[in-house]
Amino acid sequence: MKIQKNSIARNLSELRRMNKFSQEEVAEKIGVSRQAVAKWEAGVSRS
């Protein structure tokens, strides 16, 4: 499961940067806090 979490975190971060979105912009688009996006990208959020 850890490999999958790291992959999701890496993909989210890479796709966000490729599309030139800030963490705050992503958060607003999906209805979560910026802190949640940061945790997802760091792979430290709880399920």
PDB file of N, CA and C in Angstrom:
ATOM      1  N   MET A   1       0.817  -1.193   0.000  1.00  0.00           N
ATOM      2  CA  MET A   1       0.000   0.000   0.000  1.00  0.00           C
ATOM      3  C   MET A   1       0.861   1.258   0.000  1.00  0.00           C
ATOM      4  N   LYS A   2       2.013   1.224   0.645  1.00  0.00           N
ATOM      5  CA  LYS A   2       2.888   2.395   0.709  1.00  0.00           C
ATOM      6  C   LYS A   2       3.348   2.815  -0.688  1.00  0.00           C
ATOM      7  N   ILE A   3       3.641   1.851  -1.555  1.00  0.00           N
ATOM      8  CA  ILE A   3       4.070   2.176  -2.912  1.00  0.00           C
ATOM      9  C   ILE A   3       2.967   2.921  -3.641  1.00  0.00           C
ATOM     10  N   GLN A   4       1.726   2.491  -3.470  1.00  0.00           N
ATOM     11  CA  GLN A   4       0.603   3.156  -4.121  1.00  0.00           C
ATOM     12  C   GLN A   4       0.464   4.587  -3.607  1.00  0.00           C
ATOM     13  N   LYS A   5       0.578   4.801  -2.303  1.00  0.00           N
ATOM     14  CA  LYS A   5       0.463   6.141  -1.739  1.00  0.00           C
ATOM     15  C   LYS A   5       1.551   7.050  -2.295  1.00  0.00           C
ATOM     16  N   ASN A   6       2.767   6.557  -2.374  1.00  0.00           N
ATOM     17  CA  ASN A   6       3.860   7.371  -2.915  1.00  0.00           C
ATOM     18  C   ASN A   6       3.602   7.711  -4.379  1.00  0.00           C
ATOM     19  N   SER A   7       3.048   6.770  -5.117  1.00  0.00           N
ATOM     20  CA  SER A   7       2.750   6.993  -6.519  1.00  0.00           C
ATOM     21  C   SER A   7       1.670   8.059  -6.678  1.00  0.00           C
ATOM     22  N   ILE A   8       0.634   7.994  -5.857  1.00  0.00           N
ATOM     23  CA  ILE A   8      -0.435   8.985  -5.914  1.00  0.00           C
ATOM     24  C   ILE A   8       0.116  10.359  -5.559  1.00  0.00           C
ATOM     25  N   ALA A   9       0.899  10.431  -4.507  1.00  0.00           N
ATOM     26  CA  ALA A   9       1.489  11.705  -4.084  1.00  0.00           C
ATOM     27  C   ALA A   9       2.355  12.294  -5.194  1.00  0.00           C
ATOM     28  N   ARG A  10       3.175  11.468  -5.796  1.00  0.00           N
ATOM     29  CA  ARG A  10       4.067  11.927  -6.863  1.00  0.00           C
ATOM     30  C   ARG A  10       3.260  12.378  -8.083  1.00  0.00           C
ATOM     31  N   ASN A  11       2.243  11.605  -8.448  1.00  0.00           N
ATOM     32  CA  ASN A  11       1.427  11.963  -9.610  1.00  0.00           C
ATOM     33  C   ASN A  11       0.671  13.262  -9.392  1.00  0.00           C
ATOM     34  N   LEU A  12       0.080  13.424  -8.214  1.00  0.00           N
ATOM     35  CA  LEU A  12      -0.655  14.649  -7.919  1.00  0.00           C
ATOM     36  C   LEU A  12       0.261  15.860  -8.027  1.00  0.00           C
ATOM     37  N   SER A  13       1.411  15.769  -7.411  1.00  0.00           N
ATOM     38  CA  SER A  13       2.360  16.876  -7.423  1.00  0.00           C
ATOM     39  C   SER A  13       2.823  17.190  -8.848  1.00  0.00           C
ATOM     40  N   GLU A  14       3.169  16.162  -9.585  1.00  0.00           N
ATOM     41  CA  GLU A  14       3.671  16.364 -10.944  1.00  0.00           C
ATOM     42  C   GLU A  14       2.591  16.937 -11.857  1.00  0.00           C
ATOM     43  N   LEU A  15       1.386  16.405 -11.780  1.00  0.00           N
ATOM     44  CA  LEU A  15       0.305  16.902 -12.633  1.00  0.00           C
ATOM     45  C   LEU A  15      -0.074  18.337 -12.277  1.00  0.00           C
ATOM     46  N   ARG A  16      -0.065  18.643 -10.984  1.00  0.00           N
ATOM     47  CA  ARG A  16      -0.383  20.003 -10.555  1.00  0.00           C
ATOM     48  C   ARG A  16       0.645  20.987 -11.127  1.00  0.00           C
ATOM     49  N   ARG A  17       1.899  20.646 -11.032  1.00  0.00           N
ATOM     50  CA  ARG A  17       2.953  21.526 -11.551  1.00  0.00           C
ATOM     51  C   ARG A  17       2.926  21.640 -13.069  1.00  0.00           C
ATOM     52  N   MET A  18       2.674  20.521 -13.749  1.00  0.00           N
ATOM     53  CA  MET A  18       2.597  20.544 -15.209  1.00  0.00           C
ATOM     54  C   MET A  18       1.485  21.477 -15.698  1.00  0.00           C
ATOM     55  N   ASN A  19       0.398  21.542 -14.931  1.00  0.00           N
ATOM     56  CA  ASN A  19      -0.739  22.380 -15.303  1.00  0.00           C
ATOM     57  C   ASN A  19      -0.681  23.768 -14.673  1.00  0.00           C
ATOM     58  N   LYS A  20       0.436  24.027 -13.985  1.00  0.00           N
ATOM     59  CA  LYS A  20       0.697  25.340 -13.385  1.00  0.00           C
ATOM     60  C   LYS A  20      -0.397  25.780 -12.420  1.00  0.00           C
ATOM     61  N   PHE A  21      -0.857  24.813 -11.593  1.00  0.00           N
ATOM     62  CA  PHE A  21      -1.813  25.113 -10.539  1.00  0.00           C
ATOM     63  C   PHE A  21      -1.078  25.189  -9.217  1.00  0.00           C
ATOM     64  N   SER A  22      -1.513  26.094  -8.371  1.00  0.00           N
ATOM     65  CA  SER A  22      -0.996  26.114  -7.007  1.00  0.00           C
ATOM     66  C   SER A  22      -1.774  25.073  -6.203  1.00  0.00           C
ATOM     67  N   GLN A  23      -1.251  24.742  -5.042  1.00  0.00           N
ATOM     68  CA  GLN A  23      -1.979  23.828  -4.166  1.00  0.00           C
ATOM     69  C   GLN A  23      -3.334  24.430  -3.803  1.00  0.00           C
ATOM     70  N   GLU A  24      -3.367  25.726  -3.612  1.00  0.00           N
ATOM     71  CA  GLU A  24      -4.626  26.389  -3.263  1.00  0.00           C
ATOM     72  C   GLU A  24      -5.643  26.294  -4.391  1.00  0.00           C
ATOM     73  N   GLU A  25      -5.191  26.440  -5.630  1.00  0.00           N
ATOM     74  CA  GLU A  25      -6.112  26.330  -6.770  1.00  0.00           C
ATOM     75  C   GLU A  25      -6.693  24.924  -6.877  1.00  0.00           C
ATOM     76  N   VAL A  26      -5.861  23.924  -6.693  1.00  0.00           N
ATOM     77  CA  VAL A  26      -6.345  22.537  -6.726  1.00  0.00           C
ATOM     78  C   VAL A  26      -7.355  22.321  -5.610  1.00  0.00           C
ATOM     79  N   ALA A  27      -7.032  22.800  -4.433  1.00  0.00           N
ATOM     80  CA  ALA A  27      -7.917  22.642  -3.280  1.00  0.00           C
ATOM     81  C   ALA A  27      -9.281  23.280  -3.543  1.00  0.00           C
ATOM     82  N   GLU A  28      -9.283  24.482  -4.087  1.00  0.00           N
ATOM     83  CA  GLU A  28     -10.543  25.171  -4.379  1.00  0.00           C
ATOM     84  C   GLU A  28     -11.366  24.408  -5.407  1.00  0.00           C
ATOM     85  N   LYS A  29     -10.713  23.870  -6.421  1.00  0.00           N
ATOM     86  CA  LYS A  29     -11.420  23.146  -7.482  1.00  0.00           C
ATOM     87  C   LYS A  29     -12.091  21.871  -6.978  1.00  0.00           C
ATOM     88  N   ILE A  30     -11.489  21.217  -5.977  1.00  0.00           N
ATOM     89  CA  ILE A  30     -12.056  19.955  -5.504  1.00  0.00           C
ATOM     90  C   ILE A  30     -12.712  20.058  -4.135  1.00  0.00           C
ATOM     91  N   GLY A  31     -12.713  21.256  -3.565  1.00  0.00           N
ATOM     92  CA  GLY A  31     -13.444  21.490  -2.323  1.00  0.00           C
ATOM     93  C   GLY A  31     -12.789  20.973  -1.057  1.00  0.00           C
ATOM     94  N   VAL A  32     -11.469  21.088  -0.993  1.00  0.00           N
ATOM     95  CA  VAL A  32     -10.733  20.708   0.220  1.00  0.00           C
ATOM     96  C   VAL A  32      -9.801  21.853   0.597  1.00  0.00           C
ATOM     97  N   SER A  33      -9.133  21.722   1.732  1.00  0.00           N
ATOM     98  CA  SER A  33      -8.193  22.760   2.148  1.00  0.00           C
ATOM     99  C   SER A  33      -6.853  22.607   1.426  1.00  0.00           C
ATOM    100  N   ARG A  34      -6.109  23.714   1.382  1.00  0.00           N
ATOM    101  CA  ARG A  34      -4.774  23.665   0.792  1.00  0.00           C
ATOM    102  C   ARG A  34      -3.891  22.714   1.574  1.00  0.00           C
ATOM    103  N   GLN A  35      -4.095  22.688   2.888  1.00  0.00           N
ATOM    104  CA  GLN A  35      -3.310  21.803   3.740  1.00  0.00           C
ATOM    105  C   GLN A  35      -3.537  20.336   3.378  1.00  0.00           C
ATOM    106  N   ALA A  36      -4.774  19.992   3.005  1.00  0.00           N
ATOM    107  CA  ALA A  36      -5.071  18.615   2.594  1.00  0.00           C
ATOM    108  C   ALA A  36      -4.275  18.247   1.348  1.00  0.00           C
ATOM    109  N   VAL A  37      -4.240  19.149   0.383  1.00  0.00           N
ATOM    110  CA  VAL A  37      -3.486  18.898  -0.852  1.00  0.00           C
ATOM    111  C   VAL A  37      -2.007  18.733  -0.528  1.00  0.00           C
ATOM    112  N   ALA A  38      -1.480  19.586   0.336  1.00  0.00           N
ATOM    113  CA  ALA A  38      -0.068  19.492   0.720  1.00  0.00           C
ATOM    114  C   ALA A  38       0.226  18.146   1.371  1.00  0.00           C
ATOM    115  N   LYS A  39      -0.661  17.689   2.237  1.00  0.00           N
ATOM    116  CA  LYS A  39      -0.467  16.391   2.901  1.00  0.00           C
ATOM    117  C   LYS A  39      -0.540  15.249   1.896  1.00  0.00           C
ATOM    118  N   TRP A  40      -1.483  15.340   0.954  1.00  0.00           N
ATOM    119  CA  TRP A  40      -1.577  14.292  -0.067  1.00  0.00           C
ATOM    120  C   TRP A  40      -0.292  14.222  -0.876  1.00  0.00           C
ATOM    121  N   GLU A  41       0.228  15.371  -1.254  1.00  0.00           N
ATOM    122  CA  GLU A  41       1.459  15.390  -2.049  1.00  0.00           C
ATOM    123  C   GLU A  41       2.656  14.857  -1.244  1.00  0.00           C
ATOM    124  N   ALA A  42       2.625  15.083   0.048  1.00  0.00           N
ATOM    125  CA  ALA A  42       3.706  14.593   0.902  1.00  0.00           C
ATOM    126  C   ALA A  42       3.501  13.122   1.271  1.00  0.00           C
ATOM    127  N   GLY A  43       2.317  12.608   0.983  1.00  0.00           N
ATOM    128  CA  GLY A  43       2.022  11.201   1.282  1.00  0.00           C
ATOM    129  C   GLY A  43       1.818  10.947   2.760  1.00  0.00           C
ATOM    130  N   VAL A  44       1.363  11.960   3.510  1.00  0.00           N
ATOM    131  CA  VAL A  44       1.216  11.790   4.944  1.00  0.00           C
ATOM    132  C   VAL A  44      -0.214  11.876   5.445  1.00  0.00           C
ATOM    133  N   SER A  45      -1.195  11.993   4.556  1.00  0.00           N
ATOM    134  CA  SER A  45      -2.578  12.093   5.024  1.00  0.00           C
ATOM    135  C   SER A  45      -3.104  10.734   5.460  1.00  0.00           C
ATOM    136  N   ARG A  46      -4.084  10.778   6.326  1.00  0.00           N
ATOM    137  CA  ARG A  46      -4.718   9.550   6.807  1.00  0.00           C
ATOM    138  C   ARG A  46      -5.894   9.218   5.926  1.00  0.00           C
ATOM    139  N   SER A  47      -6.162   7.926   5.780  1.00  0.00           N
ATOM    140  CA  SER A  47      -7.312   7.470   4.972  1.00  0.00           C
ATOM    141  C   SER A  47      -8.547   7.415   5.816  1.00  0.00           C
TER     142      SER A  47
END
